[in-house]
PDB file of N, CA and C in Angstrom:
ATOM      1  N   MET A   1     119.122  81.449 142.466  1.00  0.00           N
ATOM      2  CA  MET A   1     119.017  80.659 141.257  1.00  0.00           C
ATOM      3  C   MET A   1     117.603  80.710 140.694  1.00  0.00           C
ATOM      4  N   LYS A   2     116.618  80.699 141.585  1.00  0.00           N
ATOM      5  CA  LYS A   2     115.236  80.733 141.154  1.00  0.00           C
ATOM      6  C   LYS A   2     114.927  82.031 140.396  1.00  0.00           C
ATOM      7  N   ARG A   3     115.474  83.182 140.851  1.00  0.00           N
ATOM      8  CA  ARG A   3     115.251  84.458 140.168  1.00  0.00           C
ATOM      9  C   ARG A   3     115.827  84.445 138.758  1.00  0.00           C
ATOM     10  N   ILE A   4     116.992  83.842 138.574  1.00  0.00           N
ATOM     11  CA  ILE A   4     117.619  83.799 137.255  1.00  0.00           C
ATOM     12  C   ILE A   4     116.754  83.003 136.289  1.00  0.00           C
ATOM     13  N   LEU A   5     116.238  81.874 136.727  1.00  0.00           N
ATOM     14  CA  LEU A   5     115.377  81.081 135.864  1.00  0.00           C
ATOM     15  C   LEU A   5     114.102  81.846 135.526  1.00  0.00           C
ATOM     16  N   THR A   6     113.527  82.523 136.485  1.00  0.00           N
ATOM     17  CA  THR A   6     112.316  83.297 136.253  1.00  0.00           C
ATOM     18  C   THR A   6     112.578  84.444 135.292  1.00  0.00           C
ATOM     19  N   ALA A   7     113.692  85.152 135.465  1.00  0.00           N
ATOM     20  CA  ALA A   7     114.046  86.249 134.563  1.00  0.00           C
ATOM     21  C   ALA A   7     114.296  85.722 133.161  1.00  0.00           C
ATOM     22  N   SER A   8     114.995  84.595 133.054  1.00  0.00           N
ATOM     23  CA  SER A   8     115.256  84.000 131.744  1.00  0.00           C
ATOM     24  C   SER A   8     113.953  83.610 131.059  1.00  0.00           C
ATOM     25  N   ALA A   9     113.047  83.049 131.819  1.00  0.00           N
ATOM     26  CA  ALA A   9     111.754  82.656 131.261  1.00  0.00           C
ATOM     27  C   ALA A   9     110.988  83.887 130.783  1.00  0.00           C
ATOM     28  N   ALA A  10     111.039  84.959 131.544  1.00  0.00           N
ATOM     29  CA  ALA A  10     110.355  86.194 131.152  1.00  0.00           C
ATOM     30  C   ALA A  10     110.940  86.757 129.866  1.00  0.00           C
ATOM     31  N   VAL A  11     112.263  86.766 129.757  1.00  0.00           N
ATOM     32  CA  VAL A  11     112.921  87.264 128.544  1.00  0.00           C
ATOM     33  C   VAL A  11     112.516  86.404 127.345  1.00  0.00           C
ATOM     34  N   ALA A  12     112.481  85.101 127.522  1.00  0.00           N
ATOM     35  CA  ALA A  12     112.094  84.200 126.437  1.00  0.00           C
ATOM     36  C   ALA A  12     110.660  84.462 125.988  1.00  0.00           C
ATOM     37  N   CYS A  13     109.757  84.687 126.942  1.00  0.00           N
ATOM     38  CA  CYS A  13     108.359  84.971 126.608  1.00  0.00           C
ATOM     39  C   CYS A  13     108.220  86.278 125.844  1.00  0.00           C
ATOM     40  N   VAL A  14     108.928  87.313 126.287  1.00  0.00           N
ATOM     41  CA  VAL A  14     108.870  88.615 125.609  1.00  0.00           C
ATOM     42  C   VAL A  14     109.443  88.500 124.209  1.00  0.00           C
ATOM     43  N   ALA A  15     110.567  87.801 124.052  1.00  0.00           N
ATOM     44  CA  ALA A  15     111.182  87.631 122.737  1.00  0.00           C
ATOM     45  C   ALA A  15     110.258  86.861 121.810  1.00  0.00           C
ATOM     46  N   SER A  16     109.617  85.825 122.336  1.00  0.00           N
ATOM     47  CA  SER A  16     108.689  85.040 121.534  1.00  0.00           C
ATOM     48  C   SER A  16     107.496  85.885 121.098  1.00  0.00           C
ATOM     49  N   ALA A  17     106.957  86.676 122.002  1.00  0.00           N
ATOM     50  CA  ALA A  17     105.820  87.547 121.673  1.00  0.00           C
ATOM     51  C   ALA A  17     106.221  88.600 120.654  1.00  0.00           C
ATOM     52  N   ALA A  18     107.417  89.161 120.793  1.00  0.00           N
ATOM     53  CA  ALA A  18     107.888  90.172 119.843  1.00  0.00           C
ATOM     54  C   ALA A  18     108.065  89.571 118.462  1.00  0.00           C
ATOM     55  N   ALA A  19     108.607  88.376 118.393  1.00  0.00           N
ATOM     56  CA  ALA A  19     108.803  87.728 117.096  1.00  0.00           C
ATOM     57  C   ALA A  19     107.455  87.430 116.452  1.00  0.00           C
ATOM     58  N   HIS A  20     106.498  86.965 117.249  1.00  0.00           N
ATOM     59  CA  HIS A  20     105.170  86.685 116.724  1.00  0.00           C
ATOM     60  C   HIS A  20     104.498  87.965 116.241  1.00  0.00           C
ATOM     61  N   THR A  21     104.607  89.026 116.980  1.00  0.00           N
ATOM     62  CA  THR A  21     104.020  90.301 116.592  1.00  0.00           C
ATOM     63  C   THR A  21     104.654  90.829 115.316  1.00  0.00           C
ATOM     64  N   ALA A  22     105.971  90.733 115.197  1.00  0.00           N
ATOM     65  CA  ALA A  22     106.660  91.208 114.000  1.00  0.00           C
ATOM     66  C   ALA A  22     106.192  90.431 112.778  1.00  0.00           C
ATOM     67  N   PHE A  23     105.954  89.130 112.939  1.00  0.00           N
ATOM     68  CA  PHE A  23     105.499  88.306 111.835  1.00  0.00           C
ATOM     69  C   PHE A  23     104.096  88.714 111.389  1.00  0.00           C
ATOM     70  N   ALA A  24     103.263  89.129 112.331  1.00  0.00           N
ATOM     71  CA  ALA A  24     101.874  89.437 112.033  1.00  0.00           C
ATOM     72  C   ALA A  24     101.660  90.849 111.501  1.00  0.00           C
ATOM     73  N   MET A  25     102.671  91.690 111.581  1.00  0.00           N
ATOM     74  CA  MET A  25     102.512  93.075 111.150  1.00  0.00           C
ATOM     75  C   MET A  25     102.394  93.166 109.629  1.00  0.00           C
ATOM     76  N   PRO A  26     101.592  94.100 109.111  1.00  0.00           N
ATOM     77  CA  PRO A  26     101.478  94.253 107.658  1.00  0.00           C
ATOM     78  C   PRO A  26     102.770  94.816 107.071  1.00  0.00           C
ATOM     79  N   LEU A  27     103.029  94.461 105.826  1.00  0.00           N
ATOM     80  CA  LEU A  27     104.204  94.946 105.129  1.00  0.00           C
ATOM     81  C   LEU A  27     103.913  96.326 104.543  1.00  0.00           C
ATOM     82  N   THR A  28     104.731  97.295 104.877  1.00  0.00           N
ATOM     83  CA  THR A  28     104.582  98.640 104.342  1.00  0.00           C
ATOM     84  C   THR A  28     105.920  99.074 103.764  1.00  0.00           C
ATOM     85  N   VAL A  29     105.914  99.439 102.484  1.00  0.00           N
ATOM     86  CA  VAL A  29     107.122  99.922 101.814  1.00  0.00           C
ATOM     87  C   VAL A  29     106.771 101.278 101.211  1.00  0.00           C
ATOM     88  N   PRO A  30     107.155 102.370 101.879  1.00  0.00           N
ATOM     89  CA  PRO A  30     106.742 103.702 101.428  1.00  0.00           C
ATOM     90  C   PRO A  30     107.170 104.045  99.998  1.00  0.00           C
ATOM     91  N   GLN A  31     108.265 103.482  99.532  1.00  0.00           N
ATOM     92  CA  GLN A  31     108.753 103.790  98.190  1.00  0.00           C
ATOM     93  C   GLN A  31     107.888 103.161  97.092  1.00  0.00           C
ATOM     94  N   ILE A  32     107.085 102.175  97.442  1.00  0.00           N
ATOM     95  CA  ILE A  32     106.234 101.492  96.471  1.00  0.00           C
ATOM     96  C   ILE A  32     104.785 101.780  96.805  1.00  0.00           C
ATOM     97  N   GLN A  33     104.139 102.538  95.935  1.00  0.00           N
ATOM     98  CA  GLN A  33     102.765 102.956  96.201  1.00  0.00           C
ATOM     99  C   GLN A  33     101.774 102.106  95.410  1.00  0.00           C
ATOM    100  N   THR A  34     100.743 101.669  96.083  1.00  0.00           N
ATOM    101  CA  THR A  34      99.723 100.814  95.478  1.00  0.00           C
ATOM    102  C   THR A  34      98.851 101.605  94.520  1.00  0.00           C
ATOM    103  N   ALA A  35      98.643 101.048  93.338  1.00  0.00           N
ATOM    104  CA  ALA A  35      97.723 101.638  92.366  1.00  0.00           C
ATOM    105  C   ALA A  35      96.363 100.948  92.453  1.00  0.00           C
ATOM    106  N   SER A  36      96.371  99.613  92.605  1.00  0.00           N
ATOM    107  CA  SER A  36      95.119  98.875  92.720  1.00  0.00           C
ATOM    108  C   SER A  36      95.342  97.534  93.413  1.00  0.00           C
ATOM    109  N   LYS A  37      94.265  97.016  94.008  1.00  0.00           N
ATOM    110  CA  LYS A  37      94.274  95.696  94.648  1.00  0.00           C
ATOM    111  C   LYS A  37      93.021  94.957  94.212  1.00  0.00           C
ATOM    112  N   GLU A  38      93.162  93.656  94.046  1.00  0.00           N
ATOM    113  CA  GLU A  38      92.020  92.815  93.689  1.00  0.00           C
ATOM    114  C   GLU A  38      92.245  91.431  94.281  1.00  0.00           C
ATOM    115  N   THR A  39      91.219  90.872  94.870  1.00  0.00           N
ATOM    116  CA  THR A  39      91.299  89.513  95.399  1.00  0.00           C
ATOM    117  C   THR A  39      90.465  88.599  94.525  1.00  0.00           C
ATOM    118  N   THR A  40      91.075  87.495  94.113  1.00  0.00           N
ATOM    119  CA  THR A  40      90.407  86.514  93.264  1.00  0.00           C
ATOM    120  C   THR A  40      90.491  85.149  93.938  1.00  0.00           C
ATOM    121  N   THR A  41      89.386  84.442  93.952  1.00  0.00           N
ATOM    122  CA  THR A  41      89.363  83.080  94.486  1.00  0.00           C
ATOM    123  C   THR A  41      89.309  82.118  93.311  1.00  0.00           C
ATOM    124  N   TYR A  42      90.148  81.087  93.394  1.00  0.00           N
ATOM    125  CA  TYR A  42      90.239  80.071  92.347  1.00  0.00           C
ATOM    126  C   TYR A  42      89.779  78.730  92.893  1.00  0.00           C
ATOM    127  N   ASP A  43      89.016  77.995  92.097  1.00  0.00           N
ATOM    128  CA  ASP A  43      88.644  76.619  92.402  1.00  0.00           C
ATOM    129  C   ASP A  43      89.529  75.723  91.551  1.00  0.00           C
ATOM    130  N   CYS A  44      90.199  74.766  92.216  1.00  0.00           N
ATOM    131  CA  CYS A  44      91.202  73.947  91.546  1.00  0.00           C
ATOM    132  C   CYS A  44      90.781  72.487  91.500  1.00  0.00           C
ATOM    133  N   LYS A  45      91.470  71.735  90.667  1.00  0.00           N
ATOM    134  CA  LYS A  45      91.249  70.299  90.525  1.00  0.00           C
ATOM    135  C   LYS A  45      91.373  69.628  91.894  1.00  0.00           C
ATOM    136  N   GLY A  46      90.518  68.663  92.151  1.00  0.00           N
ATOM    137  CA  GLY A  46      90.567  67.950  93.428  1.00  0.00           C
ATOM    138  C   GLY A  46      89.785  68.629  94.532  1.00  0.00           C
ATOM    139  N   GLY A  47      88.984  69.640  94.197  1.00  0.00           N
ATOM    140  CA  GLY A  47      88.154  70.305  95.189  1.00  0.00           C
ATOM    141  C   GLY A  47      88.876  71.326  96.050  1.00  0.00           C
ATOM    142  N   LYS A  48      90.106  71.652  95.695  1.00  0.00           N
ATOM    143  CA  LYS A  48      90.863  72.655  96.461  1.00  0.00           C
ATOM    144  C   LYS A  48      90.536  74.043  95.940  1.00  0.00           C
ATOM    145  N   SER A  49      90.747  75.045  96.799  1.00  0.00           N
ATOM    146  CA  SER A  49      90.574  76.433  96.374  1.00  0.00           C
ATOM    147  C   SER A  49      91.669  77.284  97.011  1.00  0.00           C
ATOM    148  N   VAL A  50      91.921  78.415  96.389  1.00  0.00           N
ATOM    149  CA  VAL A  50      92.933  79.338  96.894  1.00  0.00           C
ATOM    150  C   VAL A  50      92.466  80.763  96.595  1.00  0.00           C
ATOM    151  N   SER A  51      92.707  81.651  97.543  1.00  0.00           N
ATOM    152  CA  SER A  51      92.382  83.060  97.384  1.00  0.00           C
ATOM    153  C   SER A  51      93.694  83.821  97.196  1.00  0.00           C
ATOM    154  N   VAL A  52      93.748  84.660  96.175  1.00  0.00           N
ATOM    155  CA  VAL A  52      94.972  85.390  95.837  1.00  0.00           C
ATOM    156  C   VAL A  52      94.664  86.878  95.798  1.00  0.00           C
ATOM    157  N   GLN A  53      95.465  87.661  96.508  1.00  0.00           N
ATOM    158  CA  GLN A  53      95.322  89.115  96.455  1.00  0.00           C
ATOM    159  C   GLN A  53      96.394  89.653  95.514  1.00  0.00           C
ATOM    160  N   TYR A  54      95.956  90.288  94.444  1.00  0.00           N
ATOM    161  CA  TYR A  54      96.863  90.888  93.468  1.00  0.00           C
ATOM    162  C   TYR A  54      97.008  92.365  93.786  1.00  0.00           C
ATOM    163  N   THR A  55      98.233  92.850  93.768  1.00  0.00           N
ATOM    164  CA  THR A  55      98.513  94.263  93.992  1.00  0.00           C
ATOM    165  C   THR A  55      99.328  94.786  92.828  1.00  0.00           C
ATOM    166  N   ASN A  56      98.838  95.846  92.212  1.00  0.00           N
ATOM    167  CA  ASN A  56      99.582  96.540  91.161  1.00  0.00           C
ATOM    168  C   ASN A  56     100.044  97.863  91.743  1.00  0.00           C
ATOM    169  N   THR A  57     101.271  98.246  91.426  1.00  0.00           N
ATOM    170  CA  THR A  57     101.829  99.470  91.986  1.00  0.00           C
ATOM    171  C   THR A  57     101.951 100.567  90.940  1.00  0.00           C
ATOM    172  N   ARG A  58     102.153 101.774  91.414  1.00  0.00           N
ATOM    173  CA  ARG A  58     102.267 102.917  90.511  1.00  0.00           C
ATOM    174  C   ARG A  58     103.527 102.862  89.647  1.00  0.00           C
ATOM    175  N   ASN A  59     104.538 102.116  90.097  1.00  0.00           N
ATOM    176  CA  ASN A  59     105.755 101.994  89.288  1.00  0.00           C
ATOM    177  C   ASN A  59     105.721 100.723  88.431  1.00  0.00           C
ATOM    178  N   HIS A  60     104.522 100.192  88.209  1.00  0.00           N
ATOM    179  CA  HIS A  60     104.255  99.084  87.292  1.00  0.00           C
ATOM    180  C   HIS A  60     104.817  97.742  87.733  1.00  0.00           C
ATOM    181  N   GLN A  61     104.913  97.519  89.040  1.00  0.00           N
ATOM    182  CA  GLN A  61     105.242  96.206  89.561  1.00  0.00           C
ATOM    183  C   GLN A  61     103.942  95.522  89.964  1.00  0.00           C
ATOM    184  N   SER A  62     103.969  94.187  89.968  1.00  0.00           N
ATOM    185  CA  SER A  62     102.797  93.421  90.373  1.00  0.00           C
ATOM    186  C   SER A  62     103.203  92.364  91.387  1.00  0.00           C
ATOM    187  N   PHE A  63     102.310  92.139  92.358  1.00  0.00           N
ATOM    188  CA  PHE A  63     102.544  91.163  93.406  1.00  0.00           C
ATOM    189  C   PHE A  63     101.299  90.295  93.572  1.00  0.00           C
ATOM    190  N   ALA A  64     101.503  89.078  94.032  1.00  0.00           N
ATOM    191  CA  ALA A  64     100.394  88.182  94.355  1.00  0.00           C
ATOM    192  C   ALA A  64     100.660  87.615  95.743  1.00  0.00           C
ATOM    193  N   ALA A  65      99.698  87.764  96.629  1.00  0.00           N
ATOM    194  CA  ALA A  65      99.818  87.216  97.987  1.00  0.00           C
ATOM    195  C   ALA A  65      98.881  86.021  98.089  1.00  0.00           C
ATOM    196  N   LEU A  66      99.448  84.872  98.476  1.00  0.00           N
ATOM    197  CA  LEU A  66      98.649  83.675  98.638  1.00  0.00           C
ATOM    198  C   LEU A  66      99.257  82.798  99.723  1.00  0.00           C
ATOM    199  N   THR A  67      98.487  81.838 100.186  1.00  0.00           N
ATOM    200  CA  THR A  67      98.943  80.934 101.239  1.00  0.00           C
ATOM    201  C   THR A  67      99.224  79.571 100.627  1.00  0.00           C
ATOM    202  N   VAL A  68     100.436  79.061 100.892  1.00  0.00           N
ATOM    203  CA  VAL A  68     100.868  77.750 100.400  1.00  0.00           C
ATOM    204  C   VAL A  68     101.340  76.949 101.607  1.00  0.00           C
ATOM    205  N   ASP A  69     100.756  75.794 101.811  1.00  0.00           N
ATOM    206  CA  ASP A  69     101.127  74.938 102.940  1.00  0.00           C
ATOM    207  C   ASP A  69     101.152  75.721 104.255  1.00  0.00           C
ATOM    208  N   GLU A  70     100.125  76.533 104.464  1.00  0.00           N
ATOM    209  CA  GLU A  70      99.942  77.359 105.664  1.00  0.00           C
ATOM    210  C   GLU A  70     100.989  78.474 105.798  1.00  0.00           C
ATOM    211  N   ARG A  71     101.750  78.749 104.743  1.00  0.00           N
ATOM    212  CA  ARG A  71     102.719  79.860 104.728  1.00  0.00           C
ATOM    213  C   ARG A  71     102.171  80.973 103.856  1.00  0.00           C
ATOM    214  N   LYS A  72     102.106  82.167 104.402  1.00  0.00           N
ATOM    215  CA  LYS A  72     101.676  83.322 103.621  1.00  0.00           C
ATOM    216  C   LYS A  72     102.875  83.795 102.797  1.00  0.00           C
ATOM    217  N   LEU A  73     102.685  83.865 101.475  1.00  0.00           N
ATOM    218  CA  LEU A  73     103.768  84.246 100.572  1.00  0.00           C
ATOM    219  C   LEU A  73     103.417  85.500  99.794  1.00  0.00           C
ATOM    220  N   LEU A  74     104.407  86.353  99.610  1.00  0.00           N
ATOM    221  CA  LEU A  74     104.271  87.514  98.744  1.00  0.00           C
ATOM    222  C   LEU A  74     105.114  87.231  97.512  1.00  0.00           C
ATOM    223  N   SER A  75     104.451  86.993  96.395  1.00  0.00           N
ATOM    224  CA  SER A  75     105.121  86.642  95.152  1.00  0.00           C
ATOM    225  C   SER A  75     105.251  87.875  94.268  1.00  0.00           C
ATOM    226  N   VAL A  76     106.365  87.959  93.565  1.00  0.00           N
ATOM    227  CA  VAL A  76     106.612  89.080  92.665  1.00  0.00           C
ATOM    228  C   VAL A  76     106.465  88.596  91.224  1.00  0.00           C
ATOM    229  N   ASN A  77     105.924  89.450  90.379  1.00  0.00           N
ATOM    230  CA  ASN A  77     105.729  89.136  88.970  1.00  0.00           C
ATOM    231  C   ASN A  77     107.078  89.108  88.264  1.00  0.00           C
ATOM    232  N   VAL A  78     107.300  88.067  87.457  1.00  0.00           N
ATOM    233  CA  VAL A  78     108.528  87.931  86.673  1.00  0.00           C
ATOM    234  C   VAL A  78     108.151  87.704  85.213  1.00  0.00           C
ATOM    235  N   ILE A  79     109.127  87.788  84.328  1.00  0.00           N
ATOM    236  CA  ILE A  79     108.887  87.626  82.893  1.00  0.00           C
ATOM    237  C   ILE A  79     108.357  86.222  82.609  1.00  0.00           C
ATOM    238  N   ALA A  80     107.330  86.171  81.763  1.00  0.00           N
ATOM    239  CA  ALA A  80     106.738  84.901  81.350  1.00  0.00           C
ATOM    240  C   ALA A  80     106.495  84.939  79.852  1.00  0.00           C
ATOM    241  N   GLY A  81     106.566  83.777  79.222  1.00  0.00           N
ATOM    242  CA  GLY A  81     106.293  83.695  77.789  1.00  0.00           C
ATOM    243  C   GLY A  81     104.847  84.060  77.484  1.00  0.00           C
ATOM    244  N   SER A  82     103.944  83.661  78.370  1.00  0.00           N
ATOM    245  CA  SER A  82     102.535  84.045  78.245  1.00  0.00           C
ATOM    246  C   SER A  82     101.911  84.023  79.631  1.00  0.00           C
ATOM    247  N   GLY A  83     100.906  84.833  79.811  1.00  0.00           N
ATOM    248  CA  GLY A  83     100.252  84.913  81.104  1.00  0.00           C
ATOM    249  C   GLY A  83     101.047  85.754  82.087  1.00  0.00           C
ATOM    250  N   ALA A  84     100.726  85.596  83.366  1.00  0.00           N
ATOM    251  CA  ALA A  84     101.420  86.321  84.436  1.00  0.00           C
ATOM    252  C   ALA A  84     102.016  85.288  85.382  1.00  0.00           C
ATOM    253  N   LYS A  85     103.305  85.416  85.635  1.00  0.00           N
ATOM    254  CA  LYS A  85     104.042  84.456  86.451  1.00  0.00           C
ATOM    255  C   LYS A  85     104.539  85.164  87.701  1.00  0.00           C
ATOM    256  N   TYR A  86     104.212  84.605  88.876  1.00  0.00           N
ATOM    257  CA  TYR A  86     104.602  85.177  90.162  1.00  0.00           C
ATOM    258  C   TYR A  86     105.446  84.154  90.912  1.00  0.00           C
ATOM    259  N   VAL A  87     106.545  84.608  91.524  1.00  0.00           N
ATOM    260  CA  VAL A  87     107.470  83.689  92.186  1.00  0.00           C
ATOM    261  C   VAL A  87     107.754  84.151  93.608  1.00  0.00           C
ATOM    262  N   ALA A  88     107.738  83.176  94.541  1.00  0.00           N
ATOM    263  CA  ALA A  88     108.149  83.391  95.932  1.00  0.00           C
ATOM    264  C   ALA A  88     108.743  82.086  96.431  1.00  0.00           C
ATOM    265  N   ASP A  89     109.928  82.180  97.020  1.00  0.00           N
ATOM    266  CA  ASP A  89     110.612  81.000  97.533  1.00  0.00           C
ATOM    267  C   ASP A  89     110.673  79.960  96.426  1.00  0.00           C
ATOM    268  N   GLN A  90     110.205  78.745  96.662  1.00  0.00           N
ATOM    269  CA  GLN A  90     110.294  77.685  95.665  1.00  0.00           C
ATOM    270  C   GLN A  90     109.018  77.552  94.840  1.00  0.00           C
ATOM    271  N   TYR A  91     108.073  78.450  95.019  1.00  0.00           N
ATOM    272  CA  TYR A  91     106.765  78.328  94.396  1.00  0.00           C
ATOM    273  C   TYR A  91     106.569  79.304  93.245  1.00  0.00           C
ATOM    274  N   THR A  92     105.877  78.818  92.210  1.00  0.00           N
ATOM    275  CA  THR A  92     105.505  79.649  91.068  1.00  0.00           C
ATOM    276  C   THR A  92     103.998  79.582  90.888  1.00  0.00           C
ATOM    277  N   TRP A  93     103.356  80.730  90.918  1.00  0.00           N
ATOM    278  CA  TRP A  93     101.920  80.860  90.650  1.00  0.00           C
ATOM    279  C   TRP A  93     101.815  81.442  89.253  1.00  0.00           C
ATOM    280  N   TRP A  94     101.258  80.679  88.319  1.00  0.00           N
ATOM    281  CA  TRP A  94     101.250  81.084  86.916  1.00  0.00           C
ATOM    282  C   TRP A  94      99.815  81.155  86.422  1.00  0.00           C
ATOM    283  N   THR A  95      99.394  82.347  86.016  1.00  0.00           N
ATOM    284  CA  THR A  95      98.034  82.538  85.523  1.00  0.00           C
ATOM    285  C   THR A  95      98.056  82.808  84.025  1.00  0.00           C
ATOM    286  N   LYS A  96      97.015  82.350  83.364  1.00  0.00           N
ATOM    287  CA  LYS A  96      96.798  82.626  81.936  1.00  0.00           C
ATOM    288  C   LYS A  96      95.309  82.876  81.795  1.00  0.00           C
ATOM    289  N   GLY A  97      94.930  84.150  81.685  1.00  0.00           N
ATOM    290  CA  GLY A  97      93.512  84.486  81.684  1.00  0.00           C
ATOM    291  C   GLY A  97      92.905  84.101  83.022  1.00  0.00           C
ATOM    292  N   PRO A  98      91.755  83.403  83.009  1.00  0.00           N
ATOM    293  CA  PRO A  98      91.108  83.023  84.270  1.00  0.00           C
ATOM    294  C   PRO A  98      91.654  81.718  84.863  1.00  0.00           C
ATOM    295  N   GLU A  99      92.652  81.101  84.232  1.00  0.00           N
ATOM    296  CA  GLU A  99      93.194  79.830  84.694  1.00  0.00           C
ATOM    297  C   GLU A  99      94.549  80.016  85.368  1.00  0.00           C
ATOM    298  N   ALA A 100      94.870  79.099  86.305  1.00  0.00           N
ATOM    299  CA  ALA A 100      96.151  79.204  87.019  1.00  0.00           C
ATOM    300  C   ALA A 100      96.601  77.836  87.517  1.00  0.00           C
ATOM    301  N   ASN A 101      97.896  77.730  87.779  1.00  0.00           N
ATOM    302  CA  ASN A 101      98.506  76.545  88.371  1.00  0.00           C
ATOM    303  C   ASN A 101      99.554  77.000  89.372  1.00  0.00           C
ATOM    304  N   LEU A 102      99.762  76.190  90.415  1.00  0.00           N
ATOM    305  CA  LEU A 102     100.805  76.453  91.399  1.00  0.00           C
ATOM    306  C   LEU A 102     101.834  75.334  91.304  1.00  0.00           C
ATOM    307  N   TYR A 103     103.097  75.716  91.078  1.00  0.00           N
ATOM    308  CA  TYR A 103     104.181  74.755  90.921  1.00  0.00           C
ATOM    309  C   TYR A 103     105.165  74.861  92.078  1.00  0.00           C
ATOM    310  N   ASP A 104     105.725  73.706  92.436  1.00  0.00           N
ATOM    311  CA  ASP A 104     106.822  73.643  93.406  1.00  0.00           C
ATOM    312  C   ASP A 104     108.082  73.388  92.582  1.00  0.00           C
ATOM    313  N   GLU A 105     108.942  74.386  92.481  1.00  0.00           N
ATOM    314  CA  GLU A 105     110.139  74.287  91.643  1.00  0.00           C
ATOM    315  C   GLU A 105     111.169  73.309  92.199  1.00  0.00           C
ATOM    316  N   MET A 106     110.990  72.856  93.453  1.00  0.00           N
ATOM    317  CA  MET A 106     111.899  71.885  94.053  1.00  0.00           C
ATOM    318  C   MET A 106     111.433  70.448  93.793  1.00  0.00           C
ATOM    319  N   ALA A 107     110.239  70.289  93.275  1.00  0.00           N
ATOM    320  CA  ALA A 107     109.698  68.957  92.990  1.00  0.00           C
ATOM    321  C   ALA A 107     110.383  68.390  91.740  1.00  0.00           C
ATOM    322  N   ALA A 108     110.234  67.085  91.541  1.00  0.00           N
ATOM    323  CA  ALA A 108     110.787  66.438  90.350  1.00  0.00           C
ATOM    324  C   ALA A 108     110.204  67.084  89.093  1.00  0.00           C
ATOM    325  N   LYS A 109     110.986  67.084  88.042  1.00  0.00           N
ATOM    326  CA  LYS A 109     110.613  67.761  86.799  1.00  0.00           C
ATOM    327  C   LYS A 109     109.249  67.310  86.245  1.00  0.00           C
ATOM    328  N   ASP A 110     108.914  66.043  86.412  1.00  0.00           N
ATOM    329  CA  ASP A 110     107.652  65.532  85.879  1.00  0.00           C
ATOM    330  C   ASP A 110     106.508  65.539  86.898  1.00  0.00           C
ATOM    331  N   SER A 111     106.708  66.193  88.046  1.00  0.00           N
ATOM    332  CA  SER A 111     105.662  66.271  89.071  1.00  0.00           C
ATOM    333  C   SER A 111     104.514  67.159  88.607  1.00  0.00           C
ATOM    334  N   PRO A 112     103.292  66.789  88.974  1.00  0.00           N
ATOM    335  CA  PRO A 112     102.157  67.650  88.630  1.00  0.00           C
ATOM    336  C   PRO A 112     102.178  68.911  89.498  1.00  0.00           C
ATOM    337  N   PRO A 113     101.439  69.945  89.087  1.00  0.00           N
ATOM    338  CA  PRO A 113     101.359  71.157  89.919  1.00  0.00           C
ATOM    339  C   PRO A 113     100.752  70.841  91.284  1.00  0.00           C
ATOM    340  N   LEU A 114     101.111  71.648  92.301  1.00  0.00           N
ATOM    341  CA  LEU A 114     100.506  71.504  93.625  1.00  0.00           C
ATOM    342  C   LEU A 114      99.021  71.825  93.565  1.00  0.00           C
ATOM    343  N   LEU A 115      98.690  72.853  92.825  1.00  0.00           N
ATOM    344  CA  LEU A 115      97.302  73.212  92.543  1.00  0.00           C
ATOM    345  C   LEU A 115      97.183  73.260  91.026  1.00  0.00           C
ATOM    346  N   ALA A 116      96.284  72.449  90.474  1.00  0.00           N
ATOM    347  CA  ALA A 116      96.189  72.326  89.024  1.00  0.00           C
ATOM    348  C   ALA A 116      94.804  72.745  88.517  1.00  0.00           C
ATOM    349  N   GLU A 117      94.806  73.225  87.294  1.00  0.00           N
ATOM    350  CA  GLU A 117      93.566  73.571  86.595  1.00  0.00           C
ATOM    351  C   GLU A 117      92.669  74.479  87.432  1.00  0.00           C
ATOM    352  N   CYS A 118      93.273  75.466  88.063  1.00  0.00           N
ATOM    353  CA  CYS A 118      92.513  76.409  88.887  1.00  0.00           C
ATOM    354  C   CYS A 118      91.756  77.371  87.974  1.00  0.00           C
ATOM    355  N   GLN A 119      90.524  77.617  88.310  1.00  0.00           N
ATOM    356  CA  GLN A 119      89.661  78.503  87.522  1.00  0.00           C
ATOM    357  C   GLN A 119      89.153  79.615  88.425  1.00  0.00           C
ATOM    358  N   ALA A 120      89.342  80.867  87.996  1.00  0.00           N
ATOM    359  CA  ALA A 120      88.864  82.013  88.770  1.00  0.00           C
ATOM    360  C   ALA A 120      87.338  81.962  88.845  1.00  0.00           C
ATOM    361  N   ARG A 121      86.816  82.149  90.047  1.00  0.00           N
ATOM    362  CA  ARG A 121      85.357  82.170  90.231  1.00  0.00           C
ATOM    363  C   ARG A 121      84.769  83.347  89.485  1.00  0.00           C
ATOM    364  N   GLY A 122      83.675  83.088  88.825  1.00  0.00           N
ATOM    365  CA  GLY A 122      82.950  84.154  88.140  1.00  0.00           C
ATOM    366  C   GLY A 122      83.613  84.616  86.855  1.00  0.00           C
ATOM    367  N   LYS A 123      84.599  83.884  86.369  1.00  0.00           N
ATOM    368  CA  LYS A 123      85.270  84.296  85.119  1.00  0.00           C
ATOM    369  C   LYS A 123      85.326  83.156  84.151  1.00  0.00           C
TER     370      LYS A 123
END
């Protein structure tokens, strides 16, 4: 009985390590080739800041990678009336020139942005 518990524990540890490693691996999609990357840091209302890595691809897609509530998100650019709008899960990162806001689409309609009045450093 002791061997079975030890083997089960070992399998659980290996599975946990594999899952953690898979999560930490970089995303590579050979069909989508990067044209340019730029990282911009924004200072937001309330003394908060966020760093966003923008990636433009050769097939004219755009992505924004940022961390929200300790979750790393890869947001894809979607149609916007003005500015650039990026969406991942329930979050919308919306930039207009050097300004940006982060919205939680699951919040009440009249809720303020999670990150408001963000201004790109040096712009």
